[in-house]
Amino acid sequence: PNQSEAVLLFLCSIQSEAVLLFLCSNQSEAVLLFLCSIQSEAVLLFLCSNQSEAVLLFLCSIQSEAVLLFLCSNQSEAVLLFLCSIQSEAVLLFLCSIQSEAVLLFLCSIQSEAWAS
């Protein structure tokens, strides 16, 4: 296990887009959990930027406050729209709880009927 962790750390450290795309594309929960656990801003930015719905759903499902905070902090409209679209109460509560003016403004601006209820 330690050897595979060392290998993954190395693969991430070189920050090759092709390598990271491959790590995400095999959609191994263990690999994705690891990618999140190292909390490298560059790696997390990449995970968001490829905008794979499966990857984003996974990032939300682990409900790591650090990961969710990061997802919001990069303020990608596509990522925030996705976070809203899955309509997870836990995720939406989190989005409100961080009280980021930019995030809250965005949540209001999409004017989803779900919010009006």
N, C-alpha and C. Protein backbone atom coordinates (compact mmCIF):
# COMPACT_ATOMS: atom_id res chain seq x y z
N PRO A 1 0.82 -1.21 0.00
CA PRO A 1 0.00 0.00 0.00
C PRO A 1 0.86 1.28 0.00
N ASN A 2 1.94 1.28 0.78
CA ASN A 2 2.80 2.45 0.83
C ASN A 2 3.45 2.72 -0.52
N GLN A 3 3.82 1.63 -1.20
CA GLN A 3 4.45 1.81 -2.52
C GLN A 3 3.48 2.43 -3.51
N SER A 4 2.22 1.95 -3.51
CA SER A 4 1.26 2.51 -4.47
C SER A 4 0.99 3.97 -4.14
N GLU A 5 0.98 4.31 -2.84
CA GLU A 5 0.78 5.71 -2.48
C GLU A 5 1.94 6.57 -2.99
N ALA A 6 3.14 6.04 -2.86
CA ALA A 6 4.32 6.78 -3.35
C ALA A 6 4.24 6.97 -4.87
N VAL A 7 3.79 5.94 -5.55
CA VAL A 7 3.65 6.03 -7.02
C VAL A 7 2.61 7.08 -7.39
N LEU A 8 1.46 7.06 -6.70
CA LEU A 8 0.42 8.04 -7.00
C LEU A 8 0.89 9.47 -6.71
N LEU A 9 1.59 9.63 -5.58
CA LEU A 9 2.12 10.95 -5.25
C LEU A 9 3.06 11.44 -6.35
N PHE A 10 3.88 10.53 -6.84
CA PHE A 10 4.80 10.91 -7.92
C PHE A 10 4.03 11.28 -9.18
N LEU A 11 3.04 10.45 -9.55
CA LEU A 11 2.25 10.73 -10.75
C LEU A 11 1.58 12.09 -10.66
N CYS A 12 1.12 12.44 -9.44
CA CYS A 12 0.48 13.74 -9.28
C CYS A 12 1.51 14.87 -9.31
N SER A 13 2.67 14.60 -8.74
CA SER A 13 3.66 15.67 -8.60
C SER A 13 4.17 16.17 -9.94
N ILE A 14 4.17 15.28 -10.94
CA ILE A 14 4.65 15.75 -12.24
C ILE A 14 3.60 16.60 -12.95
N GLN A 15 2.37 16.56 -12.44
CA GLN A 15 1.26 17.39 -12.93
C GLN A 15 1.12 17.35 -14.45
N SER A 16 1.21 16.15 -14.98
CA SER A 16 0.95 15.97 -16.40
C SER A 16 -0.55 15.83 -16.60
N GLU A 17 -1.11 16.67 -17.47
CA GLU A 17 -2.54 16.60 -17.72
C GLU A 17 -2.96 15.22 -18.21
N ALA A 18 -2.13 14.62 -19.06
CA ALA A 18 -2.45 13.29 -19.59
C ALA A 18 -2.50 12.25 -18.47
N VAL A 19 -1.54 12.34 -17.55
CA VAL A 19 -1.50 11.39 -16.43
C VAL A 19 -2.72 11.58 -15.53
N LEU A 20 -3.03 12.83 -15.21
CA LEU A 20 -4.18 13.08 -14.33
C LEU A 20 -5.49 12.66 -15.00
N LEU A 21 -5.62 12.93 -16.30
CA LEU A 21 -6.81 12.49 -17.02
C LEU A 21 -6.96 10.98 -16.93
N PHE A 22 -5.84 10.26 -17.06
CA PHE A 22 -5.90 8.82 -16.97
C PHE A 22 -6.32 8.37 -15.57
N LEU A 23 -5.72 8.99 -14.56
CA LEU A 23 -6.06 8.62 -13.18
C LEU A 23 -7.55 8.82 -12.92
N CYS A 24 -8.11 9.89 -13.50
CA CYS A 24 -9.54 10.14 -13.32
C CYS A 24 -10.38 9.21 -14.17
N SER A 25 -9.92 8.93 -15.36
CA SER A 25 -10.74 8.18 -16.31
C SER A 25 -10.99 6.75 -15.85
N ASN A 26 -10.05 6.19 -15.07
CA ASN A 26 -10.33 4.82 -14.61
C ASN A 26 -11.34 4.83 -13.46
N GLN A 27 -11.64 6.02 -12.94
CA GLN A 27 -12.69 6.23 -11.95
C GLN A 27 -12.64 5.23 -10.80
N SER A 28 -11.42 4.96 -10.36
CA SER A 28 -11.25 4.14 -9.17
C SER A 28 -11.50 5.01 -7.95
N GLU A 29 -12.43 4.58 -7.11
CA GLU A 29 -12.75 5.38 -5.92
C GLU A 29 -11.52 5.58 -5.05
N ALA A 30 -10.71 4.55 -4.93
CA ALA A 30 -9.50 4.65 -4.10
C ALA A 30 -8.55 5.70 -4.66
N VAL A 31 -8.39 5.72 -5.98
CA VAL A 31 -7.50 6.70 -6.61
C VAL A 31 -8.04 8.11 -6.42
N LEU A 32 -9.34 8.30 -6.66
CA LEU A 32 -9.93 9.63 -6.52
C LEU A 32 -9.85 10.12 -5.07
N LEU A 33 -10.13 9.20 -4.12
CA LEU A 33 -10.01 9.57 -2.71
C LEU A 33 -8.59 10.02 -2.40
N PHE A 34 -7.63 9.31 -2.97
CA PHE A 34 -6.24 9.69 -2.75
C PHE A 34 -5.94 11.05 -3.34
N LEU A 35 -6.39 11.27 -4.58
CA LEU A 35 -6.15 12.56 -5.22
C LEU A 35 -6.70 13.71 -4.39
N CYS A 36 -7.84 13.46 -3.75
CA CYS A 36 -8.42 14.50 -2.90
C CYS A 36 -7.64 14.64 -1.60
N SER A 37 -7.19 13.53 -1.06
CA SER A 37 -6.57 13.55 0.27
C SER A 37 -5.28 14.34 0.29
N ILE A 38 -4.58 14.38 -0.85
CA ILE A 38 -3.31 15.12 -0.84
C ILE A 38 -3.56 16.63 -0.87
N GLN A 39 -4.78 17.01 -1.21
CA GLN A 39 -5.20 18.41 -1.21
C GLN A 39 -4.21 19.34 -1.92
N SER A 40 -3.77 18.86 -3.07
CA SER A 40 -2.94 19.72 -3.91
C SER A 40 -3.88 20.60 -4.72
N GLU A 41 -3.68 21.91 -4.62
CA GLU A 41 -4.56 22.82 -5.35
C GLU A 41 -4.52 22.54 -6.84
N ALA A 42 -3.33 22.26 -7.36
CA ALA A 42 -3.20 22.01 -8.80
C ALA A 42 -3.99 20.76 -9.21
N VAL A 43 -3.92 19.72 -8.38
CA VAL A 43 -4.63 18.48 -8.70
C VAL A 43 -6.14 18.71 -8.62
N LEU A 44 -6.60 19.38 -7.56
CA LEU A 44 -8.04 19.63 -7.42
C LEU A 44 -8.55 20.53 -8.55
N LEU A 45 -7.76 21.55 -8.91
CA LEU A 45 -8.16 22.40 -10.04
C LEU A 45 -8.33 21.56 -11.29
N PHE A 46 -7.40 20.64 -11.50
CA PHE A 46 -7.51 19.79 -12.67
C PHE A 46 -8.75 18.92 -12.61
N LEU A 47 -9.00 18.31 -11.44
CA LEU A 47 -10.18 17.46 -11.31
C LEU A 47 -11.45 18.22 -11.67
N CYS A 48 -11.49 19.49 -11.28
CA CYS A 48 -12.67 20.30 -11.61
C CYS A 48 -12.67 20.71 -13.08
N SER A 49 -11.50 21.06 -13.58
CA SER A 49 -11.45 21.65 -14.92
C SER A 49 -11.82 20.65 -16.00
N ASN A 50 -11.58 19.34 -15.75
CA ASN A 50 -11.96 18.39 -16.81
C ASN A 50 -13.47 18.18 -16.83
N GLN A 51 -14.15 18.69 -15.80
CA GLN A 51 -15.61 18.71 -15.73
C GLN A 51 -16.26 17.37 -16.12
N SER A 52 -15.65 16.31 -15.65
CA SER A 52 -16.28 15.01 -15.79
C SER A 52 -17.36 14.90 -14.73
N GLU A 53 -18.60 14.65 -15.16
CA GLU A 53 -19.69 14.57 -14.19
C GLU A 53 -19.44 13.48 -13.15
N ALA A 54 -18.88 12.37 -13.59
CA ALA A 54 -18.60 11.28 -12.65
C ALA A 54 -17.60 11.70 -11.58
N VAL A 55 -16.56 12.42 -12.01
CA VAL A 55 -15.54 12.88 -11.07
C VAL A 55 -16.13 13.90 -10.11
N LEU A 56 -16.90 14.87 -10.62
CA LEU A 56 -17.49 15.88 -9.75
C LEU A 56 -18.49 15.27 -8.77
N LEU A 57 -19.30 14.33 -9.25
CA LEU A 57 -20.22 13.64 -8.35
C LEU A 57 -19.46 12.95 -7.23
N PHE A 58 -18.35 12.33 -7.60
CA PHE A 58 -17.54 11.66 -6.59
C PHE A 58 -16.98 12.66 -5.59
N LEU A 59 -16.45 13.77 -6.10
CA LEU A 59 -15.88 14.79 -5.21
C LEU A 59 -16.92 15.27 -4.21
N CYS A 60 -18.17 15.38 -4.65
CA CYS A 60 -19.23 15.80 -3.74
C CYS A 60 -19.61 14.69 -2.77
N SER A 61 -19.60 13.46 -3.27
CA SER A 61 -20.10 12.35 -2.45
C SER A 61 -19.24 12.09 -1.23
N ILE A 62 -17.94 12.41 -1.32
CA ILE A 62 -17.11 12.16 -0.15
C ILE A 62 -17.33 13.21 0.93
N GLN A 63 -17.98 14.31 0.57
CA GLN A 63 -18.36 15.36 1.51
C GLN A 63 -17.21 15.77 2.43
N SER A 64 -16.05 15.95 1.82
CA SER A 64 -14.92 16.52 2.55
C SER A 64 -15.06 18.04 2.51
N GLU A 65 -15.10 18.65 3.68
CA GLU A 65 -15.27 20.10 3.72
C GLU A 65 -14.16 20.80 2.96
N ALA A 66 -12.93 20.29 3.09
CA ALA A 66 -11.81 20.92 2.38
C ALA A 66 -12.00 20.85 0.87
N VAL A 67 -12.47 19.70 0.38
CA VAL A 67 -12.68 19.55 -1.07
C VAL A 67 -13.81 20.45 -1.55
N LEU A 68 -14.92 20.46 -0.80
CA LEU A 68 -16.04 21.31 -1.21
C LEU A 68 -15.67 22.79 -1.17
N LEU A 69 -14.94 23.19 -0.14
CA LEU A 69 -14.49 24.58 -0.06
C LEU A 69 -13.66 24.92 -1.29
N PHE A 70 -12.80 24.00 -1.67
CA PHE A 70 -11.97 24.24 -2.85
C PHE A 70 -12.82 24.35 -4.10
N LEU A 71 -13.77 23.42 -4.25
CA LEU A 71 -14.64 23.45 -5.43
C LEU A 71 -15.33 24.81 -5.56
N CYS A 72 -15.73 25.36 -4.41
CA CYS A 72 -16.39 26.67 -4.45
C CYS A 72 -15.39 27.79 -4.68
N SER A 73 -14.23 27.67 -4.08
CA SER A 73 -13.30 28.79 -4.10
C SER A 73 -12.76 29.07 -5.50
N ASN A 74 -12.70 28.02 -6.35
CA ASN A 74 -12.20 28.31 -7.69
C ASN A 74 -13.27 29.03 -8.53
N GLN A 75 -14.50 29.07 -8.01
CA GLN A 75 -15.59 29.84 -8.59
C GLN A 75 -15.76 29.63 -10.10
N SER A 76 -15.64 28.39 -10.50
CA SER A 76 -15.96 28.05 -11.88
C SER A 76 -17.47 27.94 -12.00
N GLU A 77 -18.05 28.72 -12.91
CA GLU A 77 -19.51 28.70 -13.07
C GLU A 77 -20.00 27.29 -13.40
N ALA A 78 -19.25 26.58 -14.24
CA ALA A 78 -19.66 25.23 -14.62
C ALA A 78 -19.68 24.30 -13.40
N VAL A 79 -18.67 24.43 -12.55
CA VAL A 79 -18.62 23.58 -11.35
C VAL A 79 -19.76 23.93 -10.39
N LEU A 80 -19.99 25.22 -10.17
CA LEU A 80 -21.06 25.62 -9.26
C LEU A 80 -22.43 25.20 -9.79
N LEU A 81 -22.65 25.36 -11.09
CA LEU A 81 -23.91 24.91 -11.69
C LEU A 81 -24.09 23.41 -11.47
N PHE A 82 -22.99 22.67 -11.64
CA PHE A 82 -23.08 21.24 -11.42
C PHE A 82 -23.41 20.92 -9.98
N LEU A 83 -22.73 21.59 -9.04
CA LEU A 83 -23.00 21.35 -7.62
C LEU A 83 -24.47 21.58 -7.30
N CYS A 84 -25.06 22.60 -7.94
CA CYS A 84 -26.48 22.86 -7.71
C CYS A 84 -27.35 21.81 -8.38
N SER A 85 -26.94 21.38 -9.56
CA SER A 85 -27.80 20.49 -10.35
C SER A 85 -28.00 19.13 -9.69
N ILE A 86 -27.03 18.69 -8.89
CA ILE A 86 -27.21 17.37 -8.28
C ILE A 86 -28.21 17.43 -7.13
N GLN A 87 -28.53 18.65 -6.67
CA GLN A 87 -29.56 18.86 -5.64
C GLN A 87 -29.38 17.94 -4.44
N SER A 88 -28.15 17.85 -3.99
CA SER A 88 -27.88 17.16 -2.74
C SER A 88 -28.07 18.17 -1.61
N GLU A 89 -28.95 17.83 -0.67
CA GLU A 89 -29.22 18.77 0.42
C GLU A 89 -27.94 19.09 1.20
N ALA A 90 -27.12 18.07 1.41
CA ALA A 90 -25.88 18.28 2.16
C ALA A 90 -24.95 19.25 1.43
N VAL A 91 -24.85 19.10 0.11
CA VAL A 91 -23.98 19.97 -0.68
C VAL A 91 -24.53 21.40 -0.69
N LEU A 92 -25.84 21.52 -0.89
CA LEU A 92 -26.44 22.86 -0.94
C LEU A 92 -26.32 23.56 0.41
N LEU A 93 -26.55 22.82 1.50
CA LEU A 93 -26.38 23.39 2.84
C LEU A 93 -24.95 23.87 3.02
N PHE A 94 -24.02 23.07 2.52
CA PHE A 94 -22.62 23.45 2.64
C PHE A 94 -22.33 24.73 1.86
N LEU A 95 -22.84 24.79 0.64
CA LEU A 95 -22.62 25.98 -0.19
C LEU A 95 -23.10 27.24 0.54
N CYS A 96 -24.21 27.12 1.25
CA CYS A 96 -24.71 28.27 2.00
C CYS A 96 -23.87 28.54 3.24
N SER A 97 -23.44 27.48 3.89
CA SER A 97 -22.76 27.63 5.18
C SER A 97 -21.41 28.33 5.07
N ILE A 98 -20.77 28.23 3.91
CA ILE A 98 -19.45 28.87 3.80
C ILE A 98 -19.57 30.39 3.68
N GLN A 99 -20.79 30.88 3.39
CA GLN A 99 -21.07 32.30 3.35
C GLN A 99 -20.06 33.08 2.49
N SER A 100 -19.77 32.49 1.34
CA SER A 100 -18.96 33.22 0.36
C SER A 100 -19.89 34.11 -0.45
N GLU A 101 -19.62 35.39 -0.46
CA GLU A 101 -20.49 36.32 -1.17
C GLU A 101 -20.61 35.93 -2.65
N ALA A 102 -19.48 35.55 -3.25
CA ALA A 102 -19.49 35.20 -4.67
C ALA A 102 -20.35 33.97 -4.92
N VAL A 103 -20.23 32.97 -4.05
CA VAL A 103 -21.01 31.74 -4.22
C VAL A 103 -22.49 32.02 -4.02
N LEU A 104 -22.83 32.77 -2.97
CA LEU A 104 -24.24 33.07 -2.70
C LEU A 104 -24.85 33.90 -3.82
N LEU A 105 -24.10 34.88 -4.33
CA LEU A 105 -24.58 35.67 -5.47
C LEU A 105 -24.85 34.76 -6.66
N PHE A 106 -23.96 33.81 -6.87
CA PHE A 106 -24.15 32.88 -7.99
C PHE A 106 -25.40 32.04 -7.79
N LEU A 107 -25.58 31.52 -6.56
CA LEU A 107 -26.75 30.69 -6.28
C LEU A 107 -28.03 31.47 -6.55
N CYS A 108 -28.04 32.74 -6.21
CA CYS A 108 -29.23 33.56 -6.47
C CYS A 108 -29.39 33.83 -7.97
N SER A 109 -28.29 34.02 -8.65
CA SER A 109 -28.36 34.43 -10.05
C SER A 109 -28.92 33.34 -10.95
N ILE A 110 -28.76 32.07 -10.55
CA ILE A 110 -29.27 31.03 -11.44
C ILE A 110 -30.79 30.92 -11.36
N GLN A 111 -31.38 31.49 -10.30
CA GLN A 111 -32.84 31.56 -10.15
C GLN A 111 -33.53 30.25 -10.51
N SER A 112 -33.05 29.21 -9.89
CA SER A 112 -33.67 27.90 -10.11
C SER A 112 -35.00 27.83 -9.38
N GLU A 113 -36.00 27.19 -9.99
CA GLU A 113 -37.29 27.06 -9.33
C GLU A 113 -37.17 26.24 -8.05
N ALA A 114 -36.19 25.37 -8.00
CA ALA A 114 -36.00 24.56 -6.81
C ALA A 114 -35.73 25.45 -5.59
N TRP A 115 -35.01 26.54 -5.83
CA TRP A 115 -34.71 27.45 -4.72
C TRP A 115 -35.97 28.21 -4.30
N ALA A 116 -36.84 28.52 -5.25
CA ALA A 116 -38.02 29.32 -4.95
C ALA A 116 -38.97 28.58 -4.02
N SER A 117 -38.92 27.26 -4.04
CA SER A 117 -39.80 26.49 -3.17
C SER A 117 -39.33 26.66 -1.74
